[in-house]
Amino acid sequence: MYSAGDAEALGRLTVPESSVFIPSGELMGAFDKGRMALTFKTRLDAGRKLDGQLRHVDVKSYGNVAVVTGYVVWTTTSADGATRQTTNRFSKVLMKQSGQWMQVHHHGSPLVSVPSQ
């Protein structure tokens, strides 16, 4: 969904009152499908592509609640073909509603290296 720029699909799998911490470090906010769609459109209109590869994903289910953790390696390609890679940590809290897993919280943050002591 992120790579395809499909904010509608992401919105259908997210409860309206979902909260989010985004990797840029802003304060916690509500998931905003309109803002997400504008971000996707701006990126695509500028000729940028985004590809995310999940790594070390772990899912723990607790009845109708699940916690998903892992890493995503993003490759961003600019309009001129230059690429850049970044890695984010993520966690999601999902809740099963009417047989469908829905996101109720997402936390994404950059993976930073820690200097050895």
C-alpha atoms as a PDB file:
ATOM      1  CA  MET A   1       0.000   0.000   0.000  1.00  0.00           C
ATOM      2  CA  TYR A   2       2.774   2.442   0.859  1.00  0.00           C
ATOM      3  CA  SER A   3       4.840   1.564  -2.205  1.00  0.00           C
ATOM      4  CA  ALA A   4       1.777   1.743  -4.458  1.00  0.00           C
ATOM      5  CA  GLY A   5       0.707   5.051  -2.935  1.00  0.00           C
ATOM      6  CA  ASP A   6      -2.703   3.594  -2.052  1.00  0.00           C
ATOM      7  CA  ALA A   7      -4.005   5.727   0.812  1.00  0.00           C
ATOM      8  CA  GLU A   8      -7.552   4.417   0.244  1.00  0.00           C
ATOM      9  CA  ALA A   9      -6.496   0.803   0.915  1.00  0.00           C
ATOM     10  CA  LEU A  10      -4.511   1.861   3.965  1.00  0.00           C
ATOM     11  CA  GLY A  11      -7.504   3.839   5.213  1.00  0.00           C
ATOM     12  CA  ARG A  12      -9.837   0.853   4.854  1.00  0.00           C
ATOM     13  CA  LEU A  13      -7.571  -1.164   7.185  1.00  0.00           C
ATOM     14  CA  THR A  14      -7.273   1.581   9.811  1.00  0.00           C
ATOM     15  CA  VAL A  15      -9.886   2.496  12.415  1.00  0.00           C
ATOM     16  CA  PRO A  16     -10.922   6.176  12.294  1.00  0.00           C
ATOM     17  CA  GLU A  17      -9.558   6.868  15.799  1.00  0.00           C
ATOM     18  CA  SER A  18      -6.164   5.268  15.046  1.00  0.00           C
ATOM     19  CA  SER A  19      -3.073   7.009  16.430  1.00  0.00           C
ATOM     20  CA  VAL A  20       0.320   7.284  14.774  1.00  0.00           C
ATOM     21  CA  PHE A  21       3.912   8.282  15.506  1.00  0.00           C
ATOM     22  CA  ILE A  22       5.591   8.988  12.161  1.00  0.00           C
ATOM     23  CA  PRO A  23       9.341   8.598  11.509  1.00  0.00           C
ATOM     24  CA  SER A  24       9.915  12.365  11.096  1.00  0.00           C
ATOM     25  CA  GLY A  25       9.541  12.718  14.867  1.00  0.00           C
ATOM     26  CA  GLU A  26       6.327  14.742  15.030  1.00  0.00           C
ATOM     27  CA  LEU A  27       4.071  14.472  18.057  1.00  0.00           C
ATOM     28  CA  MET A  28       1.555  11.641  18.091  1.00  0.00           C
ATOM     29  CA  GLY A  29      -1.408  12.330  15.878  1.00  0.00           C
ATOM     30  CA  ALA A  30      -4.445  10.685  14.398  1.00  0.00           C
ATOM     31  CA  PHE A  31      -4.173   8.719  11.170  1.00  0.00           C
ATOM     32  CA  ASP A  32      -5.184  11.163   8.436  1.00  0.00           C
ATOM     33  CA  LYS A  33      -6.103   9.438   5.169  1.00  0.00           C
ATOM     34  CA  GLY A  34      -6.327  12.804   3.361  1.00  0.00           C
ATOM     35  CA  ARG A  35      -2.841  13.851   4.457  1.00  0.00           C
ATOM     36  CA  MET A  36      -1.478  10.409   3.543  1.00  0.00           C
ATOM     37  CA  ALA A  37      -3.081  10.603   0.090  1.00  0.00           C
ATOM     38  CA  LEU A  38      -1.587  14.080  -0.482  1.00  0.00           C
ATOM     39  CA  THR A  39       1.864  12.845   0.587  1.00  0.00           C
ATOM     40  CA  PHE A  40       1.594   9.872  -1.800  1.00  0.00           C
ATOM     41  CA  LYS A  41       0.353  12.107  -4.675  1.00  0.00           C
ATOM     42  CA  THR A  42       3.106  14.697  -4.122  1.00  0.00           C
ATOM     43  CA  ARG A  43       5.752  11.966  -4.181  1.00  0.00           C
ATOM     44  CA  LEU A  44       4.381  10.318  -7.318  1.00  0.00           C
ATOM     45  CA  ASP A  45       3.834  13.650  -9.119  1.00  0.00           C
ATOM     46  CA  ALA A  46       7.490  14.488  -8.465  1.00  0.00           C
ATOM     47  CA  GLY A  47       8.519  11.218 -10.130  1.00  0.00           C
ATOM     48  CA  ARG A  48       9.731   9.611  -6.895  1.00  0.00           C
ATOM     49  CA  LYS A  49       9.250   5.913  -6.189  1.00  0.00           C
ATOM     50  CA  LEU A  50       9.224   4.177  -2.845  1.00  0.00           C
ATOM     51  CA  ASP A  51       9.846   0.498  -2.209  1.00  0.00           C
ATOM     52  CA  GLY A  52       9.662  -1.009   1.265  1.00  0.00           C
ATOM     53  CA  GLN A  53      11.021  -4.432   2.229  1.00  0.00           C
ATOM     54  CA  LEU A  54       9.992  -5.876   5.587  1.00  0.00           C
ATOM     55  CA  ARG A  55      12.624  -7.501   7.778  1.00  0.00           C
ATOM     56  CA  HIS A  56      12.499  -9.431  11.069  1.00  0.00           C
ATOM     57  CA  VAL A  57       8.717  -9.142  11.400  1.00  0.00           C
ATOM     58  CA  ASP A  58       7.205 -10.633  14.545  1.00  0.00           C
ATOM     59  CA  VAL A  59       3.480 -10.980  15.271  1.00  0.00           C
ATOM     60  CA  LYS A  60       2.050 -11.722  18.696  1.00  0.00           C
ATOM     61  CA  SER A  61      -1.687 -12.341  18.954  1.00  0.00           C
ATOM     62  CA  TYR A  62      -3.653 -11.859  22.170  1.00  0.00           C
ATOM     63  CA  GLY A  63      -7.198 -12.838  21.245  1.00  0.00           C
ATOM     64  CA  ASN A  64      -8.673  -9.967  19.241  1.00  0.00           C
ATOM     65  CA  VAL A  65      -5.517  -7.847  19.605  1.00  0.00           C
ATOM     66  CA  ALA A  66      -2.189  -8.318  17.839  1.00  0.00           C
ATOM     67  CA  VAL A  67       1.151  -6.536  18.083  1.00  0.00           C
ATOM     68  CA  VAL A  68       3.351  -6.483  14.984  1.00  0.00           C
ATOM     69  CA  THR A  69       6.990  -5.380  15.199  1.00  0.00           C
ATOM     70  CA  GLY A  70       9.834  -5.287  12.733  1.00  0.00           C
ATOM     71  CA  TYR A  71      11.929  -3.216  10.405  1.00  0.00           C
ATOM     72  CA  VAL A  72      11.283  -1.837   6.950  1.00  0.00           C
ATOM     73  CA  VAL A  73      14.105  -1.022   4.554  1.00  0.00           C
ATOM     74  CA  TRP A  74      12.956   1.789   2.279  1.00  0.00           C
ATOM     75  CA  THR A  75      14.527   2.457  -1.093  1.00  0.00           C
ATOM     76  CA  THR A  76      13.585   5.864  -2.445  1.00  0.00           C
ATOM     77  CA  THR A  77      14.243   6.581  -6.113  1.00  0.00           C
ATOM     78  CA  SER A  78      14.163  10.212  -7.205  1.00  0.00           C
ATOM     79  CA  ALA A  79      13.023  11.420 -10.628  1.00  0.00           C
ATOM     80  CA  ASP A  80      16.666  11.494 -11.828  1.00  0.00           C
ATOM     81  CA  GLY A  81      17.172   7.839 -10.851  1.00  0.00           C
ATOM     82  CA  ALA A  82      19.265   8.435  -7.721  1.00  0.00           C
ATOM     83  CA  THR A  83      18.455   6.017  -4.907  1.00  0.00           C
ATOM     84  CA  ARG A  84      18.654   6.314  -1.149  1.00  0.00           C
ATOM     85  CA  GLN A  85      18.095   3.633   1.491  1.00  0.00           C
ATOM     86  CA  THR A  86      16.802   4.141   5.015  1.00  0.00           C
ATOM     87  CA  THR A  87      15.690   1.681   7.676  1.00  0.00           C
ATOM     88  CA  ASN A  88      12.843   2.276  10.101  1.00  0.00           C
ATOM     89  CA  ARG A  89      11.702   0.341  13.126  1.00  0.00           C
ATOM     90  CA  PHE A  90       7.961  -0.108  13.354  1.00  0.00           C
ATOM     91  CA  SER A  91       5.291  -1.440  15.630  1.00  0.00           C
ATOM     92  CA  LYS A  92       1.586  -1.738  15.013  1.00  0.00           C
ATOM     93  CA  VAL A  93      -1.316  -2.599  17.245  1.00  0.00           C
ATOM     94  CA  LEU A  94      -4.139  -4.342  15.405  1.00  0.00           C
ATOM     95  CA  MET A  95      -7.630  -5.194  16.607  1.00  0.00           C
ATOM     96  CA  LYS A  96      -9.960  -7.713  14.997  1.00  0.00           C
ATOM     97  CA  GLN A  97     -13.308  -6.130  14.116  1.00  0.00           C
ATOM     98  CA  SER A  98     -15.989  -8.126  12.286  1.00  0.00           C
ATOM     99  CA  GLY A  99     -13.379 -10.709  11.257  1.00  0.00           C
ATOM    100  CA  GLN A 100     -10.962  -8.086   9.805  1.00  0.00           C
ATOM    101  CA  TRP A 101      -7.646  -7.040  11.386  1.00  0.00           C
ATOM    102  CA  MET A 102      -7.662  -3.240  11.681  1.00  0.00           C
ATOM    103  CA  GLN A 103      -4.777  -0.946  12.635  1.00  0.00           C
ATOM    104  CA  VAL A 104      -5.393   1.053  15.810  1.00  0.00           C
ATOM    105  CA  HIS A 105      -1.849   2.362  16.331  1.00  0.00           C
ATOM    106  CA  HIS A 106       1.343   2.643  14.269  1.00  0.00           C
ATOM    107  CA  HIS A 107       4.770   3.753  15.447  1.00  0.00           C
ATOM    108  CA  GLY A 108       7.600   4.264  12.986  1.00  0.00           C
ATOM    109  CA  SER A 109      11.035   5.607  13.848  1.00  0.00           C
ATOM    110  CA  PRO A 110      14.429   5.669  12.143  1.00  0.00           C
ATOM    111  CA  LEU A 111      16.905   2.943  13.029  1.00  0.00           C
ATOM    112  CA  VAL A 112      20.044   4.640  14.283  1.00  0.00           C
ATOM    113  CA  SER A 113      23.332   3.001  15.052  1.00  0.00           C
ATOM    114  CA  VAL A 114      24.480   3.147  18.649  1.00  0.00           C
ATOM    115  CA  PRO A 115      28.188   3.838  19.193  1.00  0.00           C
ATOM    116  CA  SER A 116      29.988   0.965  20.895  1.00  0.00           C
ATOM    117  CA  GLN A 117      31.024   1.646  24.470  1.00  0.00           C
END
